[in-house]
Amino acid sequence: MNKDKRLAYWRANLRLVGLCLVIWFVCSFGFGVLFVEQLNSIRFAGFKLGFWFAQQGSIYIFVLLIFFYAWRMNRIDIEHDVHED
């Protein structure tokens, strides 16, 4: 694998990690802390939405991001021909 291909693979990996971190930050800190008052006017499963994100929602989002990262990283590996056979 030449240097350009390695850099493209690394950029794709960093872009994916950055995207996942931004989504997680927005869901955990943004929805659970910064926008909690606005979200508390909405009810979800009997709880105020801001409270739900602070207590459970961000954890669910994190678990979903783990599965999304693994799925997308497999696709990136295939695209850059570094996948396991």
N, C-alpha and C. Protein backbone atom coordinates (compact mmCIF):
# COMPACT_ATOMS: atom_id res chain seq x y z
N MET A 1 0.85 -1.17 0.00
CA MET A 1 0.00 0.00 0.00
C MET A 1 0.91 1.24 0.00
N ASN A 2 0.70 2.11 -0.99
CA ASN A 2 1.56 3.28 -1.07
C ASN A 2 1.11 4.37 -0.09
N LYS A 3 1.91 5.42 -0.01
CA LYS A 3 1.68 6.47 0.98
C LYS A 3 0.35 7.20 0.76
N ASP A 4 -0.02 7.47 -0.49
CA ASP A 4 -1.28 8.17 -0.77
C ASP A 4 -2.49 7.36 -0.33
N LYS A 5 -2.45 6.05 -0.57
CA LYS A 5 -3.55 5.19 -0.16
C LYS A 5 -3.64 5.11 1.36
N ARG A 6 -2.49 5.04 2.03
CA ARG A 6 -2.49 5.02 3.49
C ARG A 6 -3.06 6.31 4.06
N LEU A 7 -2.69 7.44 3.47
CA LEU A 7 -3.21 8.73 3.94
C LEU A 7 -4.72 8.84 3.71
N ALA A 8 -5.19 8.35 2.58
CA ALA A 8 -6.63 8.38 2.29
C ALA A 8 -7.39 7.50 3.29
N TYR A 9 -6.84 6.35 3.59
CA TYR A 9 -7.46 5.45 4.57
C TYR A 9 -7.49 6.10 5.95
N TRP A 10 -6.38 6.71 6.35
CA TRP A 10 -6.29 7.36 7.64
C TRP A 10 -7.26 8.55 7.73
N ARG A 11 -7.37 9.32 6.65
CA ARG A 11 -8.31 10.44 6.62
C ARG A 11 -9.75 9.96 6.78
N ALA A 12 -10.09 8.89 6.10
CA ALA A 12 -11.44 8.33 6.20
C ALA A 12 -11.72 7.86 7.63
N ASN A 13 -10.72 7.24 8.23
CA ASN A 13 -10.86 6.78 9.61
C ASN A 13 -11.04 7.96 10.56
N LEU A 14 -10.22 8.98 10.43
CA LEU A 14 -10.33 10.15 11.30
C LEU A 14 -11.65 10.90 11.09
N ARG A 15 -12.11 10.96 9.86
CA ARG A 15 -13.39 11.60 9.58
C ARG A 15 -14.53 10.85 10.28
N LEU A 16 -14.49 9.54 10.23
CA LEU A 16 -15.50 8.73 10.89
C LEU A 16 -15.45 8.90 12.40
N VAL A 17 -14.27 8.86 12.98
CA VAL A 17 -14.13 9.05 14.42
C VAL A 17 -14.62 10.43 14.83
N GLY A 18 -14.24 11.45 14.05
CA GLY A 18 -14.69 12.81 14.34
C GLY A 18 -16.21 12.94 14.29
N LEU A 19 -16.82 12.34 13.29
CA LEU A 19 -18.28 12.37 13.17
C LEU A 19 -18.94 11.71 14.38
N CYS A 20 -18.44 10.55 14.76
CA CYS A 20 -19.00 9.85 15.92
C CYS A 20 -18.84 10.66 17.20
N LEU A 21 -17.70 11.29 17.37
CA LEU A 21 -17.47 12.11 18.57
C LEU A 21 -18.38 13.33 18.60
N VAL A 22 -18.59 13.96 17.46
CA VAL A 22 -19.49 15.12 17.40
C VAL A 22 -20.92 14.70 17.74
N ILE A 23 -21.38 13.60 17.17
CA ILE A 23 -22.74 13.12 17.46
C ILE A 23 -22.88 12.80 18.94
N TRP A 24 -21.89 12.12 19.50
CA TRP A 24 -21.94 11.77 20.91
C TRP A 24 -21.92 13.02 21.80
N PHE A 25 -21.08 13.99 21.46
CA PHE A 25 -21.01 15.23 22.22
C PHE A 25 -22.34 15.97 22.19
N VAL A 26 -22.92 16.09 21.01
CA VAL A 26 -24.19 16.80 20.88
C VAL A 26 -25.28 16.09 21.70
N CYS A 27 -25.32 14.77 21.63
CA CYS A 27 -26.35 14.03 22.35
C CYS A 27 -26.12 14.03 23.86
N SER A 28 -24.89 13.88 24.29
CA SER A 28 -24.65 13.79 25.74
C SER A 28 -24.57 15.17 26.38
N PHE A 29 -23.70 16.03 25.91
CA PHE A 29 -23.52 17.33 26.53
C PHE A 29 -24.57 18.33 26.05
N GLY A 30 -24.80 18.36 24.74
CA GLY A 30 -25.76 19.31 24.20
C GLY A 30 -27.18 19.06 24.68
N PHE A 31 -27.68 17.84 24.46
CA PHE A 31 -29.06 17.53 24.84
C PHE A 31 -29.22 17.33 26.35
N GLY A 32 -28.19 16.81 27.01
CA GLY A 32 -28.29 16.52 28.43
C GLY A 32 -27.96 17.68 29.34
N VAL A 33 -27.24 18.71 28.82
CA VAL A 33 -26.82 19.82 29.67
C VAL A 33 -27.23 21.17 29.08
N LEU A 34 -26.80 21.44 27.86
CA LEU A 34 -27.02 22.77 27.28
C LEU A 34 -28.47 23.06 26.92
N PHE A 35 -29.14 22.11 26.32
CA PHE A 35 -30.51 22.31 25.84
C PHE A 35 -31.54 21.59 26.70
N VAL A 36 -31.18 21.27 27.94
CA VAL A 36 -32.05 20.47 28.79
C VAL A 36 -33.37 21.18 29.08
N GLU A 37 -33.34 22.47 29.29
CA GLU A 37 -34.58 23.20 29.61
C GLU A 37 -35.56 23.18 28.43
N GLN A 38 -35.05 23.38 27.23
CA GLN A 38 -35.92 23.36 26.06
C GLN A 38 -36.47 21.95 25.82
N LEU A 39 -35.63 20.95 26.00
CA LEU A 39 -36.06 19.57 25.76
C LEU A 39 -37.00 19.06 26.85
N ASN A 40 -36.94 19.62 28.04
CA ASN A 40 -37.80 19.16 29.12
C ASN A 40 -39.27 19.48 28.87
N SER A 41 -39.55 20.34 27.91
CA SER A 41 -40.95 20.61 27.58
C SER A 41 -41.56 19.48 26.74
N ILE A 42 -40.74 18.55 26.29
CA ILE A 42 -41.18 17.40 25.50
C ILE A 42 -41.12 16.15 26.38
N ARG A 43 -42.13 15.33 26.32
CA ARG A 43 -42.15 14.08 27.08
C ARG A 43 -41.80 12.90 26.18
N PHE A 44 -41.00 11.97 26.72
CA PHE A 44 -40.62 10.75 26.01
C PHE A 44 -40.70 9.60 27.00
N ALA A 45 -41.54 8.63 26.73
CA ALA A 45 -41.72 7.45 27.58
C ALA A 45 -42.06 7.86 29.01
N GLY A 46 -42.79 8.95 29.15
CA GLY A 46 -43.21 9.41 30.47
C GLY A 46 -42.21 10.30 31.18
N PHE A 47 -41.05 10.53 30.59
CA PHE A 47 -40.02 11.36 31.21
C PHE A 47 -39.80 12.62 30.38
N LYS A 48 -39.29 13.65 31.01
CA LYS A 48 -38.91 14.84 30.27
C LYS A 48 -37.73 14.47 29.37
N LEU A 49 -37.74 14.93 28.14
CA LEU A 49 -36.74 14.50 27.15
C LEU A 49 -35.32 14.90 27.56
N GLY A 50 -35.15 16.09 28.12
CA GLY A 50 -33.82 16.51 28.57
C GLY A 50 -33.28 15.60 29.65
N PHE A 51 -34.13 15.24 30.61
CA PHE A 51 -33.74 14.31 31.66
C PHE A 51 -33.41 12.94 31.07
N TRP A 52 -34.24 12.49 30.12
CA TRP A 52 -34.01 11.18 29.50
C TRP A 52 -32.66 11.13 28.80
N PHE A 53 -32.32 12.19 28.04
CA PHE A 53 -31.02 12.21 27.36
C PHE A 53 -29.88 12.22 28.37
N ALA A 54 -30.03 12.98 29.44
CA ALA A 54 -28.97 13.05 30.44
C ALA A 54 -28.77 11.71 31.14
N GLN A 55 -29.84 10.95 31.36
CA GLN A 55 -29.74 9.71 32.12
C GLN A 55 -29.56 8.47 31.26
N GLN A 56 -30.27 8.38 30.14
CA GLN A 56 -30.24 7.14 29.36
C GLN A 56 -29.95 7.35 27.89
N GLY A 57 -30.47 8.41 27.33
CA GLY A 57 -30.38 8.62 25.88
C GLY A 57 -28.97 8.65 25.35
N SER A 58 -28.08 9.34 26.07
CA SER A 58 -26.71 9.44 25.58
C SER A 58 -26.01 8.08 25.62
N ILE A 59 -26.39 7.23 26.57
CA ILE A 59 -25.82 5.88 26.63
C ILE A 59 -26.30 5.05 25.44
N TYR A 60 -27.60 5.14 25.13
CA TYR A 60 -28.12 4.43 23.96
C TYR A 60 -27.46 4.91 22.67
N ILE A 61 -27.29 6.22 22.56
CA ILE A 61 -26.64 6.78 21.37
C ILE A 61 -25.21 6.27 21.27
N PHE A 62 -24.50 6.21 22.41
CA PHE A 62 -23.13 5.71 22.41
C PHE A 62 -23.06 4.27 21.92
N VAL A 63 -23.96 3.42 22.40
CA VAL A 63 -23.98 2.01 21.97
C VAL A 63 -24.28 1.91 20.48
N LEU A 64 -25.25 2.70 20.00
CA LEU A 64 -25.54 2.72 18.57
C LEU A 64 -24.35 3.20 17.75
N LEU A 65 -23.62 4.17 18.28
CA LEU A 65 -22.42 4.66 17.58
C LEU A 65 -21.34 3.59 17.50
N ILE A 66 -21.23 2.75 18.50
CA ILE A 66 -20.25 1.66 18.46
C ILE A 66 -20.57 0.73 17.29
N PHE A 67 -21.84 0.34 17.17
CA PHE A 67 -22.23 -0.54 16.07
C PHE A 67 -22.08 0.16 14.71
N PHE A 68 -22.45 1.44 14.65
CA PHE A 68 -22.29 2.20 13.41
C PHE A 68 -20.81 2.29 13.02
N TYR A 69 -19.94 2.57 14.00
CA TYR A 69 -18.51 2.68 13.72
C TYR A 69 -17.97 1.36 13.18
N ALA A 70 -18.33 0.25 13.81
CA ALA A 70 -17.83 -1.06 13.35
C ALA A 70 -18.32 -1.35 11.94
N TRP A 71 -19.60 -1.09 11.67
CA TRP A 71 -20.15 -1.33 10.33
C TRP A 71 -19.47 -0.45 9.30
N ARG A 72 -19.35 0.84 9.61
CA ARG A 72 -18.77 1.78 8.64
C ARG A 72 -17.27 1.52 8.46
N MET A 73 -16.58 1.15 9.51
CA MET A 73 -15.15 0.87 9.40
C MET A 73 -14.91 -0.35 8.52
N ASN A 74 -15.79 -1.35 8.60
CA ASN A 74 -15.68 -2.50 7.70
C ASN A 74 -15.83 -2.06 6.25
N ARG A 75 -16.76 -1.16 5.97
CA ARG A 75 -16.94 -0.62 4.62
C ARG A 75 -15.70 0.14 4.16
N ILE A 76 -15.13 0.94 5.05
CA ILE A 76 -13.92 1.70 4.70
C ILE A 76 -12.77 0.75 4.44
N ASP A 77 -12.64 -0.30 5.24
CA ASP A 77 -11.59 -1.29 5.01
C ASP A 77 -11.72 -1.92 3.64
N ILE A 78 -12.94 -2.25 3.24
CA ILE A 78 -13.17 -2.85 1.92
C ILE A 78 -12.85 -1.85 0.82
N GLU A 79 -13.29 -0.60 0.98
CA GLU A 79 -13.03 0.43 -0.03
C GLU A 79 -11.53 0.65 -0.25
N HIS A 80 -10.75 0.53 0.82
CA HIS A 80 -9.31 0.79 0.73
C HIS A 80 -8.49 -0.51 0.64
N ASP A 81 -9.19 -1.61 0.47
CA ASP A 81 -8.56 -2.93 0.27
C ASP A 81 -7.61 -3.29 1.41
N VAL A 82 -8.06 -3.08 2.64
CA VAL A 82 -7.27 -3.50 3.80
C VAL A 82 -8.09 -4.42 4.71
N HIS A 83 -9.18 -4.96 4.16
CA HIS A 83 -10.06 -5.82 4.94
C HIS A 83 -9.47 -7.19 5.14
N GLU A 84 -10.00 -7.87 6.16
CA GLU A 84 -9.59 -9.25 6.43
C GLU A 84 -10.42 -10.16 5.55
N ASP A 85 -9.82 -11.20 5.07
CA ASP A 85 -10.54 -12.16 4.21
C ASP A 85 -11.27 -13.18 5.01
